[in-house]
Amino acid sequence: MSAEDQKIKLKRHFSKRVTTQARIVLDSWQKLMDHGFQDNAWFDEFAQSVDKLKKFALRFELENYIGASNAIVTTLATATVDRGQVRPEDSVKIDAALEQLRHIVQRKSDTNDATGQRVYVRTPIFIAFSDEDAAERIMRQMDFFGFRASCYRTEEELISASQLNKPETIVIDVNFCDEKNKGIRTIEKIQATHDTPIPVIYTCDDGDIETRLAAVRSGGEEFFHLAVDPGQLIEKIEQYTAASTQDPYRVLVLDDSRAQSKFIENALVKAGMITYVINDPMQILIALDDFLPEIIILDMYMPGCTGMELAKVIRQQDRLHSVPIIYLSAEDDLNKQLHAMSLGGDDFLTKPIDPKHLTATIHNRGRRARSLLALMIRDSLTGLFNHTHTLYLLEAEISKSKHREQPLCFVMIDIDYFKSVNDTYGHPIGDRVLKSLAMFLKQRLRKSDHIGRYGGEEFAIVLPNTSGEDAKTLLNEIREHFSKMKQPAGTTEFQVTFSCGIAAFSGEHAQLLNEKADKALYEAKHSGRNAVRMYTDTAPPCP
């Protein structure tokens, strides 16, 4: 690698560090709002993350980040914070300052850094195919979903590019450059130059067991036929990108011993989890509402009540039926442990606790709980929230919007002439269209937005802290890009469009806001489809 290449790589590395820190700032602010500004510690964490961003930006001379961080620091300096509470007017100012930062780190396109070098906002996906037409077809489709793909024709080009800029994923033909198993050998060379393995997706006309084993040993995660549908391939690529990183588990700890609860808290925080500790069992209901835990750790014996009694109280709430409860006690009588678990518990840990055992138990229970929760609240085809949970999230965001005095929009989307797609190309192709729109929306919207499959070919989106005009601009942009996407169907391709209705929150309850968005959607369909309409009081009634 030349000195110039090394300089470029170093600059890109610095830029990524600053971008990562910027996203930490945005996530910290989102968590602070989600917690209702309840604790000074959360606000201090946010302020520290902003200060770190400013230092990084100054050190690496990235002017856009310097300007954004200065705006946030200036706003923070004049904000009034009392026991973690921020005045509504100051909260609005801080969020406005953060908007500049959101614009900088958005993943919609690539940007140039301070030196004029091209820096990927999202690390590229490398494509290494002998078939140029297949590579071009896949890259075009990936571009619609916000992925930046680069294609390489030779082993030397691919290895050199991988050293300069580590890809999130590599998609490669097993018989790269028309040479048997050269793709596998090339990947082995690339993997040897990186500390952590790169996920690899292989394509091949046919693969015997020896070839597949070699592919797995080199980091192969998937193995597709060469004529793979681009949509299926992109679904798999999405799973191996940094965008799919798992959120930390939220653990509520109740133990009347402050020393014991602090020990548990330190172990869990060190393992990357979010904790909420209480020492008074009478505060459990308040903690459950404020924190919304994914896992609960209960001491068995406490003044005033037992962990078993609290577990029964917790299980009386339908929304907490699937939350794992782990008992904590010095009790070593197996019969008593089994009896405790029969009263609502899921596991039993005996004091003194090994931190590794504790964190392993939390991870195992958390992973299982999330899988079960996903089955209950997500649509099995698209992976989006189902109808019921989407409306629950809408009600929750309405409550937040009232509290914070922030705008909110509810969006209804309907795919145009979807019955014709099913009739012409078959239901499997129709399902693929639904999945492509679901993934397209996930790529284009923020992590804080909620996307649901409302039913059939209808989708619903909850857009917190978004004005009506901003929502309309955003959905029009998404609609235009989606209408240009080629939907494959065997040897042919076709395009689909959608219609969209938007209702801006103005103090009404969730059902009325839903009805307004539905009326706006009807107006969009009635006006010729492939359109976005805002609800107005003069909107025509639904038939």
Protein backbone atom coordinates (compact mmCIF):
# COMPACT_ATOMS: atom_id res chain seq x y z
CA MET A 1 0.00 0.00 0.00
CA SER A 2 1.40 3.40 -1.01
CA ALA A 3 1.92 6.26 1.45
CA GLU A 4 -0.97 8.14 -0.16
CA ASP A 5 -3.28 5.14 0.20
CA GLN A 6 -2.30 4.85 3.85
CA LYS A 7 -3.08 8.54 4.37
CA ILE A 8 -6.50 8.13 2.76
CA LYS A 9 -7.23 5.05 4.87
CA LEU A 10 -6.22 6.89 8.03
CA LYS A 11 -8.42 9.86 7.16
CA ARG A 12 -11.38 7.59 6.52
CA HIS A 13 -10.77 5.84 9.82
CA PHE A 14 -10.84 9.18 11.65
CA SER A 15 -14.00 10.24 9.84
CA LYS A 16 -15.72 7.02 10.85
CA ARG A 17 -14.76 7.58 14.49
CA VAL A 18 -16.36 11.02 14.44
CA THR A 19 -19.47 9.70 12.66
CA THR A 20 -19.77 6.90 15.21
CA GLN A 21 -19.49 9.39 18.07
CA ALA A 22 -22.12 11.61 16.42
CA ARG A 23 -24.54 8.68 16.36
CA ILE A 24 -23.77 8.02 20.03
CA VAL A 25 -24.79 11.63 20.75
CA LEU A 26 -28.08 11.17 18.89
CA ASP A 27 -28.77 7.84 20.62
CA SER A 28 -28.00 9.37 24.03
CA TRP A 29 -30.48 12.18 23.41
CA GLN A 30 -33.13 9.71 22.25
CA LYS A 31 -32.64 7.60 25.40
CA LEU A 32 -32.79 10.73 27.54
CA MET A 33 -36.16 11.66 26.02
CA ASP A 34 -37.45 8.09 26.26
CA HIS A 35 -36.65 8.09 29.99
CA GLY A 36 -38.45 11.39 30.47
CA PHE A 37 -35.32 13.21 31.73
CA GLN A 38 -35.60 11.34 35.03
CA ASP A 39 -31.99 11.26 36.16
CA ASN A 40 -29.05 13.64 36.06
CA ALA A 41 -26.78 10.71 35.16
CA TRP A 42 -28.48 10.30 31.79
CA PHE A 43 -28.18 14.00 31.05
CA ASP A 44 -24.52 13.97 32.12
CA GLU A 45 -23.91 11.03 29.77
CA PHE A 46 -25.44 13.02 26.91
CA ALA A 47 -23.38 16.14 27.72
CA GLN A 48 -20.19 14.06 27.92
CA SER A 49 -20.88 12.44 24.55
CA VAL A 50 -21.34 15.90 22.98
CA ASP A 51 -18.07 17.11 24.52
CA LYS A 52 -16.27 14.04 23.15
CA LEU A 53 -17.73 14.68 19.70
CA LYS A 54 -16.48 18.27 19.75
CA LYS A 55 -12.97 17.14 20.73
CA PHE A 56 -12.91 14.53 17.95
CA ALA A 57 -14.16 17.03 15.38
CA LEU A 58 -11.51 19.60 16.35
CA ARG A 59 -8.75 17.00 16.43
CA PHE A 60 -9.56 15.65 12.97
CA GLU A 61 -10.48 19.10 11.55
CA LEU A 62 -13.94 18.10 10.31
CA GLU A 63 -15.67 21.46 9.89
CA ASN A 64 -19.26 20.21 9.54
CA TYR A 65 -19.04 18.29 12.82
CA ILE A 66 -17.30 21.22 14.55
CA GLY A 67 -20.20 23.50 13.62
CA ALA A 68 -22.85 20.99 14.70
CA SER A 69 -21.19 20.19 18.04
CA ASN A 70 -20.63 23.90 18.80
CA ALA A 71 -24.33 24.56 18.22
CA ILE A 72 -25.27 21.81 20.69
CA VAL A 73 -22.71 22.92 23.30
CA THR A 74 -23.92 26.53 23.07
CA THR A 75 -27.53 25.45 23.54
CA LEU A 76 -26.64 23.20 26.47
CA ALA A 77 -24.82 26.08 28.18
CA THR A 78 -28.06 28.07 28.42
CA ALA A 79 -30.38 25.15 29.21
CA THR A 80 -31.91 24.80 32.66
CA VAL A 81 -31.50 21.32 34.15
CA ASP A 82 -32.95 20.47 37.55
CA ARG A 83 -32.68 16.86 38.81
CA GLY A 84 -32.40 15.69 35.23
CA GLN A 85 -35.47 17.68 34.12
CA VAL A 86 -35.09 20.00 31.13
CA ARG A 87 -37.54 22.82 30.49
CA PRO A 88 -39.73 22.06 27.42
CA GLU A 89 -38.50 25.20 25.62
CA ASP A 90 -34.85 24.18 26.23
CA SER A 91 -35.58 20.63 25.08
CA VAL A 92 -36.92 22.00 21.79
CA LYS A 93 -33.81 24.17 21.34
CA ILE A 94 -31.46 21.25 21.99
CA ASP A 95 -33.37 19.06 19.54
CA ALA A 96 -33.17 21.83 16.92
CA ALA A 97 -29.40 21.99 17.41
CA LEU A 98 -29.23 18.21 17.00
CA GLU A 99 -31.08 18.44 13.68
CA GLN A 100 -27.91 19.69 11.99
CA LEU A 101 -26.08 16.64 13.32
CA ARG A 102 -28.84 14.30 12.10
CA HIS A 103 -28.48 15.77 8.63
CA ILE A 104 -24.72 15.14 8.62
CA VAL A 105 -24.88 11.49 9.70
CA GLN A 106 -27.89 10.44 7.63
CA ARG A 107 -27.22 7.32 5.59
CA LYS A 108 -28.99 8.30 2.40
CA SER A 109 -25.87 9.13 0.41
CA ASP A 110 -22.14 9.46 0.57
CA THR A 111 -20.42 12.71 1.43
CA ASN A 112 -16.99 14.24 0.89
CA ASP A 113 -14.73 14.73 3.89
CA ALA A 114 -12.65 17.83 4.63
CA THR A 115 -9.92 16.71 2.22
CA GLY A 116 -12.32 16.16 -0.66
CA GLN A 117 -11.88 12.40 -0.45
CA ARG A 118 -14.97 10.24 -0.82
CA VAL A 119 -15.96 8.88 2.59
CA TYR A 120 -18.67 6.27 2.81
CA VAL A 121 -21.43 7.15 5.25
CA ARG A 122 -22.26 3.48 5.12
CA THR A 123 -19.37 1.07 4.59
CA PRO A 124 -19.63 -0.40 1.08
CA ILE A 125 -20.64 -3.91 0.12
CA PHE A 126 -18.08 -5.50 -2.22
CA ILE A 127 -19.35 -7.48 -5.22
CA ALA A 128 -16.93 -9.87 -6.97
CA PHE A 129 -18.63 -11.58 -9.92
CA SER A 130 -17.34 -12.90 -13.20
CA ASP A 131 -20.75 -12.11 -14.72
CA GLU A 132 -20.75 -8.32 -15.17
CA ASP A 133 -24.47 -8.18 -16.05
CA ALA A 134 -25.43 -10.00 -12.85
CA ALA A 135 -23.21 -7.71 -10.79
CA GLU A 136 -24.70 -4.61 -12.40
CA ARG A 137 -28.26 -5.84 -11.81
CA ILE A 138 -27.60 -6.49 -8.11
CA MET A 139 -25.79 -3.16 -7.62
CA ARG A 140 -28.69 -1.22 -9.17
CA GLN A 141 -31.13 -2.89 -6.82
CA MET A 142 -28.88 -2.35 -3.80
CA ASP A 143 -28.63 1.35 -4.56
CA PHE A 144 -32.41 1.68 -4.11
CA PHE A 145 -32.09 0.28 -0.59
CA GLY A 146 -29.39 2.74 0.47
CA PHE A 147 -26.45 0.35 0.15
CA ARG A 148 -23.22 1.52 -1.45
CA ALA A 149 -21.89 -1.35 -3.57
CA SER A 150 -18.55 -1.58 -5.37
CA CYS A 151 -17.78 -4.18 -8.02
CA TYR A 152 -14.37 -5.81 -8.60
CA ARG A 153 -13.23 -7.91 -11.55
CA THR A 154 -9.84 -9.20 -10.37
CA GLU A 155 -8.39 -10.72 -7.22
CA GLU A 156 -5.78 -7.95 -6.94
CA GLU A 157 -8.42 -5.19 -7.07
CA LEU A 158 -10.59 -6.89 -4.45
CA ILE A 159 -7.74 -7.55 -2.01
CA SER A 160 -6.37 -4.01 -2.38
CA ALA A 161 -9.79 -2.44 -1.83
CA SER A 162 -10.43 -4.64 1.23
CA GLN A 163 -7.16 -3.47 2.80
CA LEU A 164 -7.99 0.17 2.16
CA ASN A 165 -11.59 0.07 3.36
CA LYS A 166 -12.90 -3.01 5.22
CA PRO A 167 -16.30 -3.92 3.73
CA GLU A 168 -19.34 -4.82 5.80
CA THR A 169 -20.01 -7.80 3.55
CA ILE A 170 -18.50 -9.41 0.46
CA VAL A 171 -20.65 -11.11 -2.17
CA ILE A 172 -18.42 -13.29 -4.35
CA ASP A 173 -18.67 -16.00 -6.98
CA VAL A 174 -17.07 -19.25 -5.77
CA ASN A 175 -15.45 -19.61 -9.20
CA PHE A 176 -14.30 -15.99 -9.32
CA CYS A 177 -12.50 -14.99 -12.53
CA ASP A 178 -13.80 -18.27 -14.06
CA GLU A 179 -11.30 -20.28 -11.99
CA LYS A 180 -12.56 -23.12 -9.80
CA ASN A 181 -12.82 -22.12 -6.11
CA LYS A 182 -10.73 -18.98 -6.66
CA GLY A 183 -13.36 -16.95 -4.82
CA ILE A 184 -12.79 -19.01 -1.67
CA ARG A 185 -9.02 -18.71 -1.92
CA THR A 186 -9.30 -14.94 -2.43
CA ILE A 187 -11.50 -14.59 0.65
CA GLU A 188 -9.01 -16.59 2.73
CA LYS A 189 -6.30 -14.07 1.80
CA ILE A 190 -8.56 -11.13 2.68
CA GLN A 191 -9.67 -12.59 6.02
CA ALA A 192 -6.01 -13.09 7.01
CA THR A 193 -5.42 -9.31 6.83
CA HIS A 194 -8.23 -8.36 9.25
CA ASP A 195 -8.57 -8.85 13.00
CA THR A 196 -12.27 -9.70 12.79
CA PRO A 197 -13.85 -11.79 10.01
CA ILE A 198 -15.85 -10.22 7.21
CA PRO A 199 -19.25 -11.86 6.55
CA VAL A 200 -19.17 -13.45 3.09
CA ILE A 201 -22.04 -14.48 0.82
CA TYR A 202 -21.04 -16.99 -1.87
CA THR A 203 -22.79 -17.68 -5.15
CA CYS A 204 -22.23 -20.77 -7.26
CA ASP A 205 -23.94 -22.82 -9.99
CA ASP A 206 -23.58 -25.86 -7.80
CA GLY A 207 -21.70 -26.65 -4.63
CA ASP A 208 -20.68 -30.08 -3.38
CA ILE A 209 -20.07 -30.69 0.31
CA GLU A 210 -16.29 -30.09 0.04
CA THR A 211 -16.87 -26.69 -1.60
CA ARG A 212 -19.48 -25.68 0.96
CA LEU A 213 -17.26 -26.69 3.86
CA ALA A 214 -14.38 -24.65 2.44
CA ALA A 215 -16.76 -21.71 2.02
CA VAL A 216 -17.90 -21.94 5.66
CA ARG A 217 -14.31 -22.15 6.93
CA SER A 218 -13.42 -18.94 5.08
CA GLY A 219 -16.26 -16.98 6.72
CA GLY A 220 -19.09 -17.88 4.35
CA GLU A 221 -22.44 -17.09 5.96
CA GLU A 222 -24.71 -17.82 3.00
CA PHE A 223 -24.55 -19.90 -0.18
CA PHE A 224 -26.80 -18.93 -3.11
CA HIS A 225 -27.34 -20.09 -6.65
CA LEU A 226 -25.77 -17.74 -9.22
CA ALA A 227 -29.20 -16.71 -10.51
CA VAL A 228 -30.22 -15.49 -7.06
CA ASP A 229 -32.99 -12.92 -6.90
CA PRO A 230 -31.50 -9.52 -5.91
CA GLY A 231 -34.23 -9.00 -3.32
CA GLN A 232 -33.36 -12.21 -1.49
CA LEU A 233 -29.67 -11.36 -1.61
CA ILE A 234 -30.25 -7.87 -0.19
CA GLU A 235 -32.34 -9.29 2.64
CA LYS A 236 -29.36 -11.40 3.68
CA ILE A 237 -26.90 -8.52 3.26
CA GLU A 238 -29.05 -6.44 5.62
CA GLN A 239 -28.56 -9.05 8.35
CA TYR A 240 -24.77 -8.75 8.23
CA THR A 241 -24.44 -4.97 8.18
CA ALA A 242 -23.61 -2.73 11.12
CA ALA A 243 -27.15 -1.34 10.89
CA SER A 244 -28.40 -4.59 12.40
CA THR A 245 -26.47 -4.35 15.66
CA GLN A 246 -28.46 -5.44 18.69
CA ASP A 247 -29.72 -2.96 21.26
CA PRO A 248 -28.50 -3.57 24.84
CA TYR A 249 -30.80 -5.43 27.20
CA ARG A 250 -32.80 -3.37 29.70
CA VAL A 251 -32.59 -4.99 33.14
CA LEU A 252 -34.54 -3.98 36.25
CA VAL A 253 -32.77 -4.99 39.48
CA LEU A 254 -34.65 -5.14 42.79
CA ASP A 255 -32.59 -6.03 45.87
CA ASP A 256 -32.98 -4.51 49.34
CA SER A 257 -29.19 -4.70 49.80
CA ARG A 258 -27.55 -1.65 48.26
CA ALA A 259 -24.17 -3.36 48.16
CA GLN A 260 -25.59 -6.42 46.36
CA SER A 261 -27.60 -4.34 43.87
CA LYS A 262 -24.54 -2.18 43.13
CA PHE A 263 -22.47 -5.32 42.49
CA ILE A 264 -25.09 -6.61 40.04
CA GLU A 265 -25.41 -3.21 38.37
CA ASN A 266 -21.64 -2.94 37.82
CA ALA A 267 -21.48 -6.44 36.32
CA LEU A 268 -24.35 -5.77 33.91
CA VAL A 269 -23.17 -2.29 32.85
CA LYS A 270 -19.71 -3.72 32.19
CA ALA A 271 -21.40 -6.28 29.91
CA GLY A 272 -23.04 -3.43 27.93
CA MET A 273 -26.55 -3.59 29.41
CA ILE A 274 -28.84 -0.80 30.62
CA THR A 275 -29.85 -1.15 34.27
CA TYR A 276 -32.43 0.39 36.58
CA VAL A 277 -31.88 -0.39 40.28
CA ILE A 278 -34.37 -0.03 43.15
CA ASN A 279 -34.00 -1.14 46.75
CA ASP A 280 -37.57 -0.61 47.92
CA PRO A 281 -40.01 -3.33 46.70
CA MET A 282 -42.91 -0.90 47.11
CA GLN A 283 -41.52 1.10 44.16
CA ILE A 284 -41.77 -1.82 41.71
CA LEU A 285 -44.88 -0.63 39.83
CA ILE A 286 -43.43 2.85 39.30
CA ALA A 287 -40.15 1.34 38.08
CA LEU A 288 -41.96 -0.96 35.64
CA ASP A 289 -43.85 1.96 34.08
CA ASP A 290 -40.83 4.28 33.96
CA PHE A 291 -38.22 1.83 32.71
CA LEU A 292 -40.14 -0.80 30.68
CA PRO A 293 -37.61 -3.59 31.41
CA GLU A 294 -36.93 -6.59 29.21
CA ILE A 295 -35.63 -8.67 32.14
CA ILE A 296 -36.33 -8.43 35.89
CA ILE A 297 -34.00 -9.61 38.69
CA LEU A 298 -35.80 -10.04 42.04
CA ASP A 299 -34.34 -10.75 45.45
CA MET A 300 -36.27 -13.62 47.07
CA TYR A 301 -36.52 -12.30 50.62
CA MET A 302 -37.07 -8.61 51.33
CA PRO A 303 -38.65 -6.55 54.13
CA GLY A 304 -42.40 -6.35 53.63
CA CYS A 305 -42.78 -8.97 50.90
CA THR A 306 -41.10 -11.81 49.04
CA GLY A 307 -39.87 -11.98 45.47
CA MET A 308 -42.50 -14.65 44.77
CA GLU A 309 -45.31 -12.30 45.82
CA LEU A 310 -43.92 -9.53 43.62
CA ALA A 311 -43.63 -11.94 40.69
CA LYS A 312 -47.36 -12.70 40.99
CA VAL A 313 -48.12 -8.96 41.01
CA ILE A 314 -45.97 -8.46 37.91
CA ARG A 315 -47.61 -11.37 36.06
CA GLN A 316 -51.05 -9.83 36.66
CA GLN A 317 -50.19 -7.30 33.94
CA ASP A 318 -50.69 -8.73 30.46
CA ARG A 319 -47.89 -6.67 28.92
CA LEU A 320 -45.38 -8.25 31.33
CA HIS A 321 -46.32 -11.90 30.80
CA SER A 322 -43.33 -12.56 28.54
CA VAL A 323 -40.73 -10.59 30.57
CA PRO A 324 -38.29 -13.07 32.18
CA ILE A 325 -38.08 -12.92 35.99
CA ILE A 326 -34.87 -14.18 37.59
CA TYR A 327 -34.85 -14.83 41.33
CA LEU A 328 -31.81 -14.00 43.40
CA SER A 329 -31.23 -15.59 46.80
CA ALA A 330 -28.90 -17.49 49.09
CA GLU A 331 -31.61 -20.17 49.21
CA ASP A 332 -30.07 -23.50 48.20
CA ASP A 333 -33.08 -25.74 48.84
CA LEU A 334 -33.98 -27.10 45.39
CA ASN A 335 -37.64 -27.68 46.29
CA LYS A 336 -38.05 -24.07 47.39
CA GLN A 337 -36.33 -22.87 44.23
CA LEU A 338 -38.69 -24.92 42.05
CA HIS A 339 -41.70 -23.66 44.04
CA ALA A 340 -40.55 -20.05 43.53
CA MET A 341 -40.23 -20.54 39.78
CA SER A 342 -43.71 -22.09 39.64
CA LEU A 343 -45.07 -18.75 40.91
CA GLY A 344 -43.98 -16.70 37.91
CA GLY A 345 -40.20 -16.99 37.84
CA ASP A 346 -38.06 -18.19 34.95
CA ASP A 347 -34.67 -18.81 36.56
CA PHE A 348 -32.94 -18.93 39.94
CA LEU A 349 -29.47 -17.63 40.76
CA THR A 350 -27.83 -18.46 44.08
CA LYS A 351 -25.72 -15.94 46.00
CA PRO A 352 -22.80 -15.35 45.87
CA ILE A 353 -23.11 -14.80 42.13
CA ASP A 354 -20.38 -15.21 39.55
CA PRO A 355 -20.59 -12.12 37.24
CA LYS A 356 -19.96 -14.30 34.17
CA HIS A 357 -22.77 -16.65 35.17
CA LEU A 358 -25.05 -13.66 35.75
CA THR A 359 -24.40 -12.02 32.37
CA ALA A 360 -24.62 -15.35 30.52
CA THR A 361 -28.03 -16.00 32.11
CA ILE A 362 -29.24 -12.51 31.19
CA HIS A 363 -28.08 -12.91 27.58
CA ASN A 364 -29.74 -16.31 27.22
CA ARG A 365 -33.03 -15.20 28.74
CA GLY A 366 -32.98 -11.88 26.89
CA ARG A 367 -32.36 -13.46 23.51
CA ARG A 368 -35.19 -15.91 24.06
CA ALA A 369 -37.55 -13.18 25.30
CA ARG A 370 -36.86 -10.99 22.28
CA SER A 371 -37.52 -13.88 19.91
CA LEU A 372 -40.85 -14.62 21.56
CA LEU A 373 -41.79 -10.94 21.67
CA ALA A 374 -40.98 -10.60 17.95
CA LEU A 375 -43.38 -13.46 17.21
CA MET A 376 -46.12 -11.63 19.12
CA ILE A 377 -45.67 -8.09 17.85
CA ARG A 378 -44.16 -8.49 14.37
CA ASP A 379 -45.58 -9.51 11.02
CA SER A 380 -44.07 -12.84 9.97
CA LEU A 381 -43.66 -11.90 6.28
CA THR A 382 -42.10 -8.43 6.47
CA GLY A 383 -40.66 -8.35 9.99
CA LEU A 384 -42.46 -5.06 10.62
CA PHE A 385 -44.71 -4.40 13.61
CA ASN A 386 -48.17 -5.94 13.30
CA HIS A 387 -51.44 -3.99 13.27
CA THR A 388 -52.08 -4.17 17.03
CA HIS A 389 -48.60 -3.18 18.12
CA THR A 390 -48.43 -0.33 15.59
CA LEU A 391 -51.52 1.23 17.17
CA TYR A 392 -50.01 0.70 20.64
CA LEU A 393 -46.87 2.56 19.52
CA LEU A 394 -49.03 5.34 18.07
CA GLU A 395 -50.75 5.82 21.42
CA ALA A 396 -47.39 5.82 23.21
CA GLU A 397 -45.97 8.44 20.83
CA ILE A 398 -49.08 10.61 21.20
CA SER A 399 -48.51 10.61 24.95
CA LYS A 400 -44.85 11.60 24.47
CA SER A 401 -45.79 14.26 21.93
CA LYS A 402 -48.19 15.89 24.38
CA HIS A 403 -45.64 15.79 27.19
CA ARG A 404 -42.79 17.24 25.12
CA GLU A 405 -44.94 19.53 22.97
CA GLN A 406 -43.42 18.08 19.81
CA PRO A 407 -45.02 17.40 16.42
CA LEU A 408 -46.10 13.92 15.36
CA CYS A 409 -47.39 12.41 12.13
CA PHE A 410 -49.21 9.17 11.33
CA VAL A 411 -48.84 7.79 7.81
CA MET A 412 -50.88 5.22 5.87
CA ILE A 413 -49.44 3.61 2.72
CA ASP A 414 -51.21 1.36 0.22
CA ILE A 415 -49.53 -0.38 -2.74
CA ASP A 416 -51.32 0.54 -5.96
CA TYR A 417 -53.01 -2.21 -8.00
CA PHE A 418 -51.57 -4.90 -5.74
CA LYS A 419 -54.30 -7.40 -6.68
CA SER A 420 -53.17 -7.06 -10.30
CA VAL A 421 -49.59 -7.91 -9.23
CA ASN A 422 -50.80 -11.10 -7.54
CA ASP A 423 -53.04 -12.03 -10.46
CA THR A 424 -50.33 -11.38 -13.07
CA TYR A 425 -47.18 -12.68 -11.40
CA GLY A 426 -48.46 -14.87 -8.57
CA HIS A 427 -48.65 -14.51 -4.79
CA PRO A 428 -44.95 -15.36 -4.14
CA ILE A 429 -43.94 -12.36 -6.27
CA GLY A 430 -46.56 -10.26 -4.49
CA ASP A 431 -45.07 -11.26 -1.15
CA ARG A 432 -41.64 -10.25 -2.43
CA VAL A 433 -43.00 -6.81 -3.36
CA LEU A 434 -44.34 -6.39 0.18
CA LYS A 435 -40.96 -7.39 1.64
CA SER A 436 -39.10 -5.03 -0.69
CA LEU A 437 -41.26 -2.07 0.38
CA ALA A 438 -40.80 -3.04 4.05
CA MET A 439 -37.02 -3.10 3.69
CA PHE A 440 -37.06 0.10 1.61
CA LEU A 441 -38.95 1.92 4.38
CA LYS A 442 -36.57 0.60 7.06
CA GLN A 443 -33.60 1.87 5.06
CA ARG A 444 -35.06 5.32 4.46
CA LEU A 445 -36.56 6.06 7.89
CA ARG A 446 -35.00 6.79 11.28
CA LYS A 447 -34.47 4.26 14.02
CA SER A 448 -36.92 6.22 16.18
CA ASP A 449 -39.70 5.90 13.58
CA HIS A 450 -42.14 2.98 13.86
CA ILE A 451 -43.11 1.03 10.74
CA GLY A 452 -45.92 -1.52 10.72
CA ARG A 453 -47.76 -3.72 8.28
CA TYR A 454 -51.32 -2.59 8.81
CA GLY A 455 -52.88 -5.42 6.83
CA GLY A 456 -52.69 -6.86 3.32
CA GLU A 457 -50.84 -4.36 1.17
CA GLU A 458 -51.27 -1.50 3.67
CA PHE A 459 -48.46 -0.12 5.82
CA ALA A 460 -48.52 2.38 8.68
CA ILE A 461 -45.73 4.65 9.94
CA VAL A 462 -45.48 6.67 13.16
CA LEU A 463 -43.14 9.65 12.75
CA PRO A 464 -42.26 11.23 16.13
CA ASN A 465 -41.01 14.82 16.24
CA THR A 466 -41.91 15.35 12.57
CA SER A 467 -44.03 18.17 11.14
CA GLY A 468 -46.62 17.61 8.45
CA GLU A 469 -44.56 19.36 5.78
CA ASP A 470 -41.42 17.39 6.64
CA ALA A 471 -43.40 14.15 6.57
CA LYS A 472 -44.86 15.01 3.17
CA THR A 473 -41.43 15.86 1.72
CA LEU A 474 -39.94 12.65 3.10
CA LEU A 475 -42.75 10.37 1.88
CA ASN A 476 -42.75 11.96 -1.55
CA GLU A 477 -39.04 11.28 -1.84
CA ILE A 478 -39.54 7.65 -0.76
CA ARG A 479 -42.48 7.25 -3.16
CA GLU A 480 -40.50 8.57 -6.13
CA HIS A 481 -37.50 6.32 -5.46
CA PHE A 482 -39.62 3.23 -4.84
CA SER A 483 -41.57 3.72 -8.07
CA LYS A 484 -38.29 3.46 -10.02
CA MET A 485 -37.29 0.16 -8.46
CA LYS A 486 -37.34 -2.88 -10.75
CA GLN A 487 -39.26 -5.80 -9.27
CA PRO A 488 -37.95 -9.09 -10.72
CA ALA A 489 -40.39 -11.80 -11.79
CA GLY A 490 -38.57 -14.67 -13.51
CA THR A 491 -37.20 -13.40 -16.81
CA THR A 492 -39.11 -10.13 -16.68
CA GLU A 493 -39.24 -7.05 -14.48
CA PHE A 494 -42.00 -4.65 -13.49
CA GLN A 495 -42.48 -1.57 -11.32
CA VAL A 496 -45.03 -0.74 -8.63
CA THR A 497 -46.11 2.47 -6.93
CA PHE A 498 -47.88 3.34 -3.70
CA SER A 499 -50.32 5.95 -2.46
CA CYS A 500 -49.91 7.65 0.88
CA GLY A 501 -52.02 9.58 3.37
CA ILE A 502 -50.56 11.68 6.21
CA ALA A 503 -52.26 13.08 9.30
CA ALA A 504 -50.45 15.56 11.56
CA PHE A 505 -51.23 15.24 15.27
CA SER A 506 -53.25 18.16 16.65
CA GLY A 507 -54.36 16.90 20.06
CA GLU A 508 -56.78 14.16 19.00
CA HIS A 509 -56.82 10.55 20.23
CA ALA A 510 -55.15 7.73 18.30
CA GLN A 511 -58.32 6.40 16.62
CA LEU A 512 -59.23 9.81 15.18
CA LEU A 513 -55.67 10.41 13.95
CA ASN A 514 -55.81 6.99 12.31
CA GLU A 515 -59.09 7.87 10.60
CA LYS A 516 -57.65 11.15 9.31
CA ALA A 517 -54.65 9.38 7.76
CA ASP A 518 -57.03 6.85 6.19
CA LYS A 519 -59.10 9.66 4.67
CA ALA A 520 -55.96 11.28 3.26
CA LEU A 521 -54.97 7.90 1.78
CA TYR A 522 -58.38 7.60 0.17
CA GLU A 523 -57.91 11.03 -1.37
CA ALA A 524 -54.51 9.98 -2.77
CA LYS A 525 -56.05 6.84 -4.29
CA HIS A 526 -59.06 8.77 -5.60
CA SER A 527 -56.86 11.42 -7.26
CA GLY A 528 -55.08 8.87 -9.46
CA ARG A 529 -52.76 6.92 -7.12
CA ASN A 530 -48.94 7.19 -6.85
CA ALA A 531 -49.43 10.30 -4.72
CA VAL A 532 -48.97 11.66 -1.20
CA ARG A 533 -51.78 13.63 0.45
CA MET A 534 -52.00 15.50 3.75
CA TYR A 535 -55.24 15.32 5.69
CA THR A 536 -57.33 18.50 5.64
CA ASP A 537 -60.79 19.19 7.06
CA THR A 538 -62.06 19.32 3.47
CA ALA A 539 -60.82 15.81 2.62
CA PRO A 540 -63.60 13.70 1.03
CA PRO A 541 -65.16 11.03 3.27
CA CYS A 542 -64.16 7.40 2.84
CA PRO A 543 -66.85 5.31 1.08
